[in-house]
Amino acid sequence: KDQANVYTFMAGPQVKFRTGRISPFLEALGGEVYVAPAHIDSQF
């Protein structure tokens, strides 16, 4: 976006319910978010 760019870097477990043709999944991840505003220093 013009005001800022946002990036995410995450890792963690995923649980998938393979019931046939349709497979729902849940996940919980942790990591870093990188916010890069247009006019000030970026922030991890």
All heavy atoms as atom14 arrays in JSON, in Angstrom:
{
  "sequence": "KDQANVYTFMAGPQVKFRTGRISPFLEALGGEVYVAPAHIDSQF",
  "atom14_mask": [
    [1, 1, 1, 1, 1, 1, 1, 1, 1, 0, 0, 0, 0, 0],
    [1, 1, 1, 1, 1, 1, 1, 1, 0, 0, 0, 0, 0, 0],
    [1, 1, 1, 1, 1, 1, 1, 1, 1, 0, 0, 0, 0, 0],
    [1, 1, 1, 1, 1, 0, 0, 0, 0, 0, 0, 0, 0, 0],
    [1, 1, 1, 1, 1, 1, 1, 1, 0, 0, 0, 0, 0, 0],
    [1, 1, 1, 1, 1, 1, 1, 0, 0, 0, 0, 0, 0, 0],
    [1, 1, 1, 1, 1, 1, 1, 1, 1, 1, 1, 1, 0, 0],
    [1, 1, 1, 1, 1, 1, 1, 0, 0, 0, 0, 0, 0, 0],
    [1, 1, 1, 1, 1, 1, 1, 1, 1, 1, 1, 0, 0, 0],
    [1, 1, 1, 1, 1, 1, 1, 1, 0, 0, 0, 0, 0, 0],
    [1, 1, 1, 1, 1, 0, 0, 0, 0, 0, 0, 0, 0, 0],
    [1, 1, 1, 1, 0, 0, 0, 0, 0, 0, 0, 0, 0, 0],
    [1, 1, 1, 1, 1, 1, 1, 0, 0, 0, 0, 0, 0, 0],
    [1, 1, 1, 1, 1, 1, 1, 1, 1, 0, 0, 0, 0, 0],
    [1, 1, 1, 1, 1, 1, 1, 0, 0, 0, 0, 0, 0, 0],
    [1, 1, 1, 1, 1, 1, 1, 1, 1, 0, 0, 0, 0, 0],
    [1, 1, 1, 1, 1, 1, 1, 1, 1, 1, 1, 0, 0, 0],
    [1, 1, 1, 1, 1, 1, 1, 1, 1, 1, 1, 0, 0, 0],
    [1, 1, 1, 1, 1, 1, 1, 0, 0, 0, 0, 0, 0, 0],
    [1, 1, 1, 1, 0, 0, 0, 0, 0, 0, 0, 0, 0, 0],
    [1, 1, 1, 1, 1, 1, 1, 1, 1, 1, 1, 0, 0, 0],
    [1, 1, 1, 1, 1, 1, 1, 1, 0, 0, 0, 0, 0, 0],
    [1, 1, 1, 1, 1, 1, 0, 0, 0, 0, 0, 0, 0, 0],
    [1, 1, 1, 1, 1, 1, 1, 0, 0, 0, 0, 0, 0, 0],
    [1, 1, 1, 1, 1, 1, 1, 1, 1, 1, 1, 0, 0, 0],
    [1, 1, 1, 1, 1, 1, 1, 1, 0, 0, 0, 0, 0, 0],
    [1, 1, 1, 1, 1, 1, 1, 1, 1, 0, 0, 0, 0, 0],
    [1, 1, 1, 1, 1, 0, 0, 0, 0, 0, 0, 0, 0, 0],
    [1, 1, 1, 1, 1, 1, 1, 1, 0, 0, 0, 0, 0, 0],
    [1, 1, 1, 1, 0, 0, 0, 0, 0, 0, 0, 0, 0, 0],
    [1, 1, 1, 1, 0, 0, 0, 0, 0, 0, 0, 0, 0, 0],
    [1, 1, 1, 1, 1, 1, 1, 1, 1, 0, 0, 0, 0, 0],
    [1, 1, 1, 1, 1, 1, 1, 0, 0, 0, 0, 0, 0, 0],
    [1, 1, 1, 1, 1, 1, 1, 1, 1, 1, 1, 1, 0, 0],
    [1, 1, 1, 1, 1, 1, 1, 0, 0, 0, 0, 0, 0, 0],
    [1, 1, 1, 1, 1, 0, 0, 0, 0, 0, 0, 0, 0, 0],
    [1, 1, 1, 1, 1, 1, 1, 0, 0, 0, 0, 0, 0, 0],
    [1, 1, 1, 1, 1, 0, 0, 0, 0, 0, 0, 0, 0, 0],
    [1, 1, 1, 1, 1, 1, 1, 1, 1, 1, 0, 0, 0, 0],
    [1, 1, 1, 1, 1, 1, 1, 1, 0, 0, 0, 0, 0, 0],
    [1, 1, 1, 1, 1, 1, 1, 1, 0, 0, 0, 0, 0, 0],
    [1, 1, 1, 1, 1, 1, 0, 0, 0, 0, 0, 0, 0, 0],
    [1, 1, 1, 1, 1, 1, 1, 1, 1, 0, 0, 0, 0, 0],
    [1, 1, 1, 1, 1, 1, 1, 1, 1, 1, 1, 0, 0, 0]
  ],
  "atom14_positions": [
    [[0.86, -1.18, 0.0], [0.0, 0.0, 0.0], [0.89, 1.23, 0.0], [2.06, 1.17, 0.41], [-0.91, -0.01, 1.24], [-2.1, 0.92, 1.15], [-3.06, 0.69, 2.31], [-4.3, 1.55, 2.15], [-5.27, 1.29, 3.25], [0.0, 0.0, 0.0], [0.0, 0.0, 0.0], [0.0, 0.0, 0.0], [0.0, 0.0, 0.0], [0.0, 0.0, 0.0]],
    [[0.36, 2.36, -0.46], [1.17, 3.58, -0.55], [1.74, 3.97, 0.82], [2.88, 4.41, 0.92], [0.34, 4.73, -1.1], [-0.01, 4.54, -2.58], [0.68, 3.72, -3.23], [-0.97, 5.18, -3.05], [0.0, 0.0, 0.0], [0.0, 0.0, 0.0], [0.0, 0.0, 0.0], [0.0, 0.0, 0.0], [0.0, 0.0, 0.0], [0.0, 0.0, 0.0]],
    [[0.93, 3.82, 1.87], [1.36, 4.24, 3.21], [2.43, 3.32, 3.8], [3.32, 3.78, 4.52], [0.17, 4.3, 4.17], [-0.83, 5.39, 3.84], [-1.87, 4.91, 2.83], [-1.66, 3.94, 2.12], [-2.99, 5.61, 2.79], [0.0, 0.0, 0.0], [0.0, 0.0, 0.0], [0.0, 0.0, 0.0], [0.0, 0.0, 0.0], [0.0, 0.0, 0.0]],
    [[2.34, 2.02, 3.49], [3.29, 1.06, 4.06], [3.13, -0.3, 3.4], [2.05, -0.63, 2.9], [3.08, 0.94, 5.58], [0.0, 0.0, 0.0], [0.0, 0.0, 0.0], [0.0, 0.0, 0.0], [0.0, 0.0, 0.0], [0.0, 0.0, 0.0], [0.0, 0.0, 0.0], [0.0, 0.0, 0.0], [0.0, 0.0, 0.0], [0.0, 0.0, 0.0]],
    [[4.2, -1.06, 3.42], [4.16, -2.46, 3.01], [4.3, -3.34, 4.25], [4.99, -2.98, 5.21], [5.31, -2.77, 2.04], [5.21, -1.97, 0.76], [4.12, -1.59, 0.32], [6.36, -1.68, 0.16], [0.0, 0.0, 0.0], [0.0, 0.0, 0.0], [0.0, 0.0, 0.0], [0.0, 0.0, 0.0], [0.0, 0.0, 0.0], [0.0, 0.0, 0.0]],
    [[3.64, -4.49, 4.22], [3.66, -5.4, 5.37], [4.03, -6.8, 4.88], [3.41, -7.31, 3.94], [2.29, -5.43, 6.08], [2.34, -6.4, 7.27], [1.89, -4.04, 6.56], [0.0, 0.0, 0.0], [0.0, 0.0, 0.0], [0.0, 0.0, 0.0], [0.0, 0.0, 0.0], [0.0, 0.0, 0.0], [0.0, 0.0, 0.0], [0.0, 0.0, 0.0]],
    [[5.02, -7.4, 5.53], [5.44, -8.76, 5.2], [5.35, -9.62, 6.46], [5.61, -9.14, 7.57], [6.88, -8.77, 4.68], [7.11, -7.92, 3.47], [7.47, -6.57, 3.59], [6.99, -8.45, 2.19], [7.68, -5.78, 2.47], [7.2, -7.67, 1.06], [7.55, -6.34, 1.21], [7.76, -5.55, 0.1], [0.0, 0.0, 0.0], [0.0, 0.0, 0.0]],
    [[5.0, -10.89, 6.28], [4.97, -11.82, 7.4], [5.85, -13.02, 7.1], [5.92, -13.5, 5.96], [3.53, -12.31, 7.69], [3.04, -13.04, 6.56], [2.6, -11.13, 7.95], [0.0, 0.0, 0.0], [0.0, 0.0, 0.0], [0.0, 0.0, 0.0], [0.0, 0.0, 0.0], [0.0, 0.0, 0.0], [0.0, 0.0, 0.0], [0.0, 0.0, 0.0]],
    [[6.55, -13.5, 8.13], [7.41, -14.67, 8.05], [7.08, -15.55, 9.26], [7.44, -15.19, 10.39], [8.88, -14.28, 8.05], [9.24, -13.23, 7.03], [9.15, -11.88, 7.35], [9.66, -13.59, 5.76], [9.48, -10.9, 6.42], [9.99, -12.62, 4.82], [9.89, -11.27, 5.15], [0.0, 0.0, 0.0], [0.0, 0.0, 0.0], [0.0, 0.0, 0.0]],
    [[6.39, -16.66, 9.04], [5.87, -17.47, 10.14], [6.2, -18.95, 9.94], [6.37, -19.42, 8.8], [4.35, -17.3, 10.25], [3.87, -15.88, 10.43], [4.06, -15.34, 12.13], [3.38, -13.67, 12.01], [0.0, 0.0, 0.0], [0.0, 0.0, 0.0], [0.0, 0.0, 0.0], [0.0, 0.0, 0.0], [0.0, 0.0, 0.0], [0.0, 0.0, 0.0]],
    [[6.23, -19.69, 11.04], [6.41, -21.14, 10.99], [5.72, -21.76, 12.18], [5.63, -21.15, 13.26], [7.89, -21.51, 10.98], [0.0, 0.0, 0.0], [0.0, 0.0, 0.0], [0.0, 0.0, 0.0], [0.0, 0.0, 0.0], [0.0, 0.0, 0.0], [0.0, 0.0, 0.0], [0.0, 0.0, 0.0], [0.0, 0.0, 0.0], [0.0, 0.0, 0.0]],
    [[5.22, -23.0, 12.0], [4.56, -23.68, 13.09], [3.78, -24.89, 12.61], [3.8, -25.22, 11.42], [0.0, 0.0, 0.0], [0.0, 0.0, 0.0], [0.0, 0.0, 0.0], [0.0, 0.0, 0.0], [0.0, 0.0, 0.0], [0.0, 0.0, 0.0], [0.0, 0.0, 0.0], [0.0, 0.0, 0.0], [0.0, 0.0, 0.0], [0.0, 0.0, 0.0]],
    [[3.09, -25.56, 13.53], [2.39, -26.79, 13.18], [1.08, -26.53, 12.43], [0.41, -25.52, 12.65], [2.11, -27.44, 14.54], [2.03, -26.26, 15.47], [3.03, -25.26, 14.97], [0.0, 0.0, 0.0], [0.0, 0.0, 0.0], [0.0, 0.0, 0.0], [0.0, 0.0, 0.0], [0.0, 0.0, 0.0], [0.0, 0.0, 0.0], [0.0, 0.0, 0.0]],
    [[0.75, -27.46, 11.56], [-0.54, -27.46, 10.87], [-1.2, -28.83, 11.07], [-0.55, -29.86, 10.92], [-0.36, -27.2, 9.38], [-1.69, -27.16, 8.6], [-1.49, -27.09, 7.11], [-1.49, -28.11, 6.41], [-1.3, -25.87, 6.59], [0.0, 0.0, 0.0], [0.0, 0.0, 0.0], [0.0, 0.0, 0.0], [0.0, 0.0, 0.0], [0.0, 0.0, 0.0]],
    [[-2.47, -28.81, 11.41], [-3.25, -30.04, 11.56], [-4.28, -30.08, 10.44], [-5.06, -29.13, 10.29], [-3.95, -30.09, 12.93], [-4.82, -31.34, 13.03], [-2.92, -30.08, 14.05], [0.0, 0.0, 0.0], [0.0, 0.0, 0.0], [0.0, 0.0, 0.0], [0.0, 0.0, 0.0], [0.0, 0.0, 0.0], [0.0, 0.0, 0.0], [0.0, 0.0, 0.0]],
    [[-4.26, -31.15, 9.64], [-5.18, -31.27, 8.5], [-6.05, -32.51, 8.67], [-5.57, -33.58, 9.02], [-4.4, -31.33, 7.19], [-5.28, -31.47, 5.95], [-4.5, -31.25, 4.66], [-4.22, -29.78, 4.41], [-3.65, -29.53, 3.06], [0.0, 0.0, 0.0], [0.0, 0.0, 0.0], [0.0, 0.0, 0.0], [0.0, 0.0, 0.0], [0.0, 0.0, 0.0]],
    [[-7.33, -32.34, 8.42], [-8.3, -33.42, 8.55], [-8.63, -33.94, 7.15], [-9.5, -33.41, 6.46], [-9.56, -32.91, 9.26], [-9.27, -32.24, 10.58], [-9.09, -30.86, 10.65], [-9.12, -33.0, 11.73], [-8.81, -30.25, 11.86], [-8.84, -32.39, 12.94], [-8.67, -31.02, 13.01], [0.0, 0.0, 0.0], [0.0, 0.0, 0.0], [0.0, 0.0, 0.0]],
    [[-7.93, -34.99, 6.75], [-8.05, -35.53, 5.39], [-9.24, -36.49, 5.36], [-9.1, -37.7, 5.54], [-6.76, -36.23, 4.99], [-5.56, -35.27, 5.04], [-4.27, -35.96, 4.63], [-3.13, -35.1, 4.88], [-2.7, -34.16, 4.05], [-3.28, -33.97, 2.9], [-1.64, -33.41, 4.37], [0.0, 0.0, 0.0], [0.0, 0.0, 0.0], [0.0, 0.0, 0.0]],
    [[-10.41, -35.92, 5.12], [-11.65, -36.7, 5.17], [-12.09, -37.22, 3.82], [-13.13, -37.85, 3.72], [-12.77, -35.82, 5.76], [-12.93, -34.65, 4.93], [-12.43, -35.37, 7.17], [0.0, 0.0, 0.0], [0.0, 0.0, 0.0], [0.0, 0.0, 0.0], [0.0, 0.0, 0.0], [0.0, 0.0, 0.0], [0.0, 0.0, 0.0], [0.0, 0.0, 0.0]],
    [[-11.33, -36.98, 2.78], [-11.71, -37.38, 1.44], [-11.33, -36.3, 0.46], [-10.2, -35.82, 0.45], [0.0, 0.0, 0.0], [0.0, 0.0, 0.0], [0.0, 0.0, 0.0], [0.0, 0.0, 0.0], [0.0, 0.0, 0.0], [0.0, 0.0, 0.0], [0.0, 0.0, 0.0], [0.0, 0.0, 0.0], [0.0, 0.0, 0.0], [0.0, 0.0, 0.0]],
    [[-12.27, -35.87, -0.36], [-11.98, -34.83, -1.35], [-11.74, -33.48, -0.7], [-10.96, -32.67, -1.2], [-13.15, -34.75, -2.35], [-12.87, -33.85, -3.54], [-14.11, -33.72, -4.41], [-14.48, -35.01, -4.97], [-14.05, -35.46, -6.13], [-13.2, -34.74, -6.85], [-14.44, -36.62, -6.6], [0.0, 0.0, 0.0], [0.0, 0.0, 0.0], [0.0, 0.0, 0.0]],
    [[-12.4, -33.19, 0.42], [-12.27, -31.9, 1.11], [-11.46, -32.1, 2.38], [-11.76, -32.98, 3.19], [-13.64, -31.3, 1.42], [-14.42, -31.05, 0.12], [-13.5, -30.0, 2.21], [-15.81, -30.53, 0.34], [0.0, 0.0, 0.0], [0.0, 0.0, 0.0], [0.0, 0.0, 0.0], [0.0, 0.0, 0.0], [0.0, 0.0, 0.0], [0.0, 0.0, 0.0]],
    [[-10.42, -31.27, 2.57], [-9.53, -31.41, 3.72], [-9.42, -30.07, 4.46], [-8.63, -29.2, 4.07], [-8.14, -31.87, 3.27], [-8.19, -33.12, 2.63], [0.0, 0.0, 0.0], [0.0, 0.0, 0.0], [0.0, 0.0, 0.0], [0.0, 0.0, 0.0], [0.0, 0.0, 0.0], [0.0, 0.0, 0.0], [0.0, 0.0, 0.0], [0.0, 0.0, 0.0]],
    [[-10.19, -29.89, 5.53], [-10.02, -28.68, 6.36], [-8.7, -28.75, 7.13], [-8.17, -29.83, 7.4], [-11.22, -28.73, 7.32], [-12.14, -29.78, 6.76], [-11.28, -30.74, 6.01], [0.0, 0.0, 0.0], [0.0, 0.0, 0.0], [0.0, 0.0, 0.0], [0.0, 0.0, 0.0], [0.0, 0.0, 0.0], [0.0, 0.0, 0.0], [0.0, 0.0, 0.0]],
    [[-8.17, -27.59, 7.5], [-6.94, -27.57, 8.29], [-6.93, -26.39, 9.25], [-7.61, -25.37, 9.04], [-5.7, -27.54, 7.39], [-5.55, -26.27, 6.59], [-4.87, -25.17, 7.09], [-6.09, -26.18, 5.31], [-4.73, -24.01, 6.34], [-5.95, -25.04, 4.55], [-5.28, -23.94, 5.07], [0.0, 0.0, 0.0], [0.0, 0.0, 0.0], [0.0, 0.0, 0.0]],
    [[-6.17, -26.55, 10.32], [-5.95, -25.5, 11.31], [-4.44, -25.34, 11.51], [-3.68, -26.3, 11.36], [-6.6, -25.86, 12.65], [-8.12, -26.06, 12.65], [-8.57, -26.6, 14.0], [-8.83, -24.76, 12.33], [0.0, 0.0, 0.0], [0.0, 0.0, 0.0], [0.0, 0.0, 0.0], [0.0, 0.0, 0.0], [0.0, 0.0, 0.0], [0.0, 0.0, 0.0]],
    [[-4.01, -24.12, 11.87], [-2.6, -23.88, 12.08], [-2.38, -22.8, 13.12], [-3.24, -21.93, 13.31], [-1.9, -23.49, 10.77], [-2.45, -22.24, 10.12], [-1.82, -21.96, 8.76], [-1.2, -22.89, 8.19], [-1.93, -20.82, 8.27], [0.0, 0.0, 0.0], [0.0, 0.0, 0.0], [0.0, 0.0, 0.0], [0.0, 0.0, 0.0], [0.0, 0.0, 0.0]],
    [[-1.24, -22.88, 13.81], [-0.83, -21.86, 14.77], [0.65, -21.61, 14.55], [1.48, -22.52, 14.74], [-1.1, -22.33, 16.2], [0.0, 0.0, 0.0], [0.0, 0.0, 0.0], [0.0, 0.0, 0.0], [0.0, 0.0, 0.0], [0.0, 0.0, 0.0], [0.0, 0.0, 0.0], [0.0, 0.0, 0.0], [0.0, 0.0, 0.0], [0.0, 0.0, 0.0]],
    [[1.0, -20.39, 14.12], [2.36, -20.08, 13.68], [2.93, -18.9, 14.46], [2.18, -18.06, 14.99], [2.38, -19.75, 12.18], [1.62, -20.7, 11.24], [1.72, -20.19, 9.81], [2.15, -22.11, 11.34], [0.0, 0.0, 0.0], [0.0, 0.0, 0.0], [0.0, 0.0, 0.0], [0.0, 0.0, 0.0], [0.0, 0.0, 0.0], [0.0, 0.0, 0.0]],
    [[4.23, -18.84, 14.52], [4.91, -17.72, 15.13], [6.09, -17.3, 14.28], [6.63, -18.09, 13.5], [0.0, 0.0, 0.0], [0.0, 0.0, 0.0], [0.0, 0.0, 0.0], [0.0, 0.0, 0.0], [0.0, 0.0, 0.0], [0.0, 0.0, 0.0], [0.0, 0.0, 0.0], [0.0, 0.0, 0.0], [0.0, 0.0, 0.0], [0.0, 0.0, 0.0]],
    [[6.5, -16.03, 14.42], [7.62, -15.56, 13.62], [7.8, -14.06, 13.71], [7.77, -13.48, 14.79], [0.0, 0.0, 0.0], [0.0, 0.0, 0.0], [0.0, 0.0, 0.0], [0.0, 0.0, 0.0], [0.0, 0.0, 0.0], [0.0, 0.0, 0.0], [0.0, 0.0, 0.0], [0.0, 0.0, 0.0], [0.0, 0.0, 0.0], [0.0, 0.0, 0.0]],
    [[7.95, -13.43, 12.55], [8.21, -12.0, 12.47], [7.25, -11.31, 11.51], [6.83, -11.9, 10.51], [9.65, -11.75, 11.98], [10.73, -12.22, 12.94], [10.96, -11.27, 14.09], [10.55, -10.08, 13.96], [11.55, -11.69, 15.1], [0.0, 0.0, 0.0], [0.0, 0.0, 0.0], [0.0, 0.0, 0.0], [0.0, 0.0, 0.0], [0.0, 0.0, 0.0]],
    [[6.93, -10.06, 11.83], [6.17, -9.18, 10.94], [7.05, -7.98, 10.62], [7.61, -7.35, 11.52], [4.85, -8.71, 11.59], [4.12, -7.75, 10.67], [3.96, -9.91, 11.91], [0.0, 0.0, 0.0], [0.0, 0.0, 0.0], [0.0, 0.0, 0.0], [0.0, 0.0, 0.0], [0.0, 0.0, 0.0], [0.0, 0.0, 0.0], [0.0, 0.0, 0.0]],
    [[7.19, -7.69, 9.33], [8.03, -6.59, 8.88], [7.13, -5.5, 8.32], [6.45, -5.69, 7.31], [8.99, -7.09, 7.8], [9.91, -6.04, 7.23], [10.84, -5.38, 8.04], [9.87, -5.72, 5.87], [11.7, -4.45, 7.5], [10.72, -4.78, 5.33], [11.64, -4.14, 6.15], [12.48, -3.21, 5.62], [0.0, 0.0, 0.0], [0.0, 0.0, 0.0]],
    [[7.09, -4.36, 8.99], [6.27, -3.23, 8.58], [7.18, -2.14, 8.04], [8.11, -1.69, 8.72], [5.44, -2.68, 9.76], [4.52, -1.56, 9.29], [4.63, -3.81, 10.41], [0.0, 0.0, 0.0], [0.0, 0.0, 0.0], [0.0, 0.0, 0.0], [0.0, 0.0, 0.0], [0.0, 0.0, 0.0], [0.0, 0.0, 0.0], [0.0, 0.0, 0.0]],
    [[6.94, -1.75, 6.78], [7.81, -0.78, 6.12], [7.02, 0.45, 5.71], [6.48, 0.52, 4.59], [8.47, -1.42, 4.89], [0.0, 0.0, 0.0], [0.0, 0.0, 0.0], [0.0, 0.0, 0.0], [0.0, 0.0, 0.0], [0.0, 0.0, 0.0], [0.0, 0.0, 0.0], [0.0, 0.0, 0.0], [0.0, 0.0, 0.0], [0.0, 0.0, 0.0]],
    [[6.89, 1.45, 6.58], [6.19, 2.7, 6.23], [6.95, 3.47, 5.16], [8.14, 3.25, 4.93], [6.16, 3.48, 7.55], [6.44, 2.46, 8.61], [7.34, 1.45, 7.97], [0.0, 0.0, 0.0], [0.0, 0.0, 0.0], [0.0, 0.0, 0.0], [0.0, 0.0, 0.0], [0.0, 0.0, 0.0], [0.0, 0.0, 0.0], [0.0, 0.0, 0.0]],
    [[6.25, 4.39, 4.53], [6.83, 5.12, 3.41], [7.87, 6.15, 3.85], [8.81, 6.44, 3.1], [5.73, 5.81, 2.6], [0.0, 0.0, 0.0], [0.0, 0.0, 0.0], [0.0, 0.0, 0.0], [0.0, 0.0, 0.0], [0.0, 0.0, 0.0], [0.0, 0.0, 0.0], [0.0, 0.0, 0.0], [0.0, 0.0, 0.0], [0.0, 0.0, 0.0]],
    [[7.73, 6.72, 5.07], [8.55, 7.88, 5.4], [9.4, 7.71, 6.66], [10.12, 8.65, 7.03], [7.65, 9.11, 5.6], [6.76, 9.38, 4.43], [7.25, 9.73, 3.19], [5.4, 9.33, 4.3], [6.24, 9.9, 2.35], [5.11, 9.66, 3.0], [0.0, 0.0, 0.0], [0.0, 0.0, 0.0], [0.0, 0.0, 0.0], [0.0, 0.0, 0.0]],
    [[9.37, 6.56, 7.31], [10.21, 6.35, 8.49], [10.86, 4.97, 8.38], [10.6, 4.22, 7.45], [9.42, 6.46, 9.8], [8.38, 5.33, 9.89], [8.74, 7.8, 9.92], [7.69, 5.29, 11.24], [0.0, 0.0, 0.0], [0.0, 0.0, 0.0], [0.0, 0.0, 0.0], [0.0, 0.0, 0.0], [0.0, 0.0, 0.0], [0.0, 0.0, 0.0]],
    [[11.73, 4.67, 9.37], [12.44, 3.41, 9.33], [11.5, 2.22, 9.42], [10.46, 2.27, 10.1], [13.45, 3.34, 10.48], [14.58, 4.35, 10.32], [14.81, 4.79, 9.17], [15.21, 4.7, 11.33], [0.0, 0.0, 0.0], [0.0, 0.0, 0.0], [0.0, 0.0, 0.0], [0.0, 0.0, 0.0], [0.0, 0.0, 0.0], [0.0, 0.0, 0.0]],
    [[11.89, 1.15, 8.76], [11.11, -0.08, 8.81], [11.26, -0.73, 10.19], [12.17, -0.42, 10.96], [11.58, -1.05, 7.73], [11.47, -0.46, 6.46], [0.0, 0.0, 0.0], [0.0, 0.0, 0.0], [0.0, 0.0, 0.0], [0.0, 0.0, 0.0], [0.0, 0.0, 0.0], [0.0, 0.0, 0.0], [0.0, 0.0, 0.0], [0.0, 0.0, 0.0]],
    [[10.35, -1.65, 10.49], [10.32, -2.24, 11.81], [10.03, -3.74, 11.74], [9.04, -4.17, 11.16], [9.24, -1.54, 12.66], [9.19, -2.01, 14.1], [8.13, -1.26, 14.9], [7.17, -0.74, 14.34], [8.32, -1.18, 16.2], [0.0, 0.0, 0.0], [0.0, 0.0, 0.0], [0.0, 0.0, 0.0], [0.0, 0.0, 0.0], [0.0, 0.0, 0.0]],
    [[10.95, -4.53, 12.32], [10.72, -5.96, 12.52], [10.15, -6.15, 13.92], [10.72, -5.66, 14.89], [12.03, -6.75, 12.4], [12.3, -7.29, 11.03], [13.28, -6.74, 10.24], [11.56, -8.35, 10.53], [13.55, -7.24, 8.97], [11.82, -8.86, 9.26], [12.81, -8.3, 8.48], [0.0, 0.0, 0.0], [0.0, 0.0, 0.0], [0.0, 0.0, 0.0]]
  ]
}
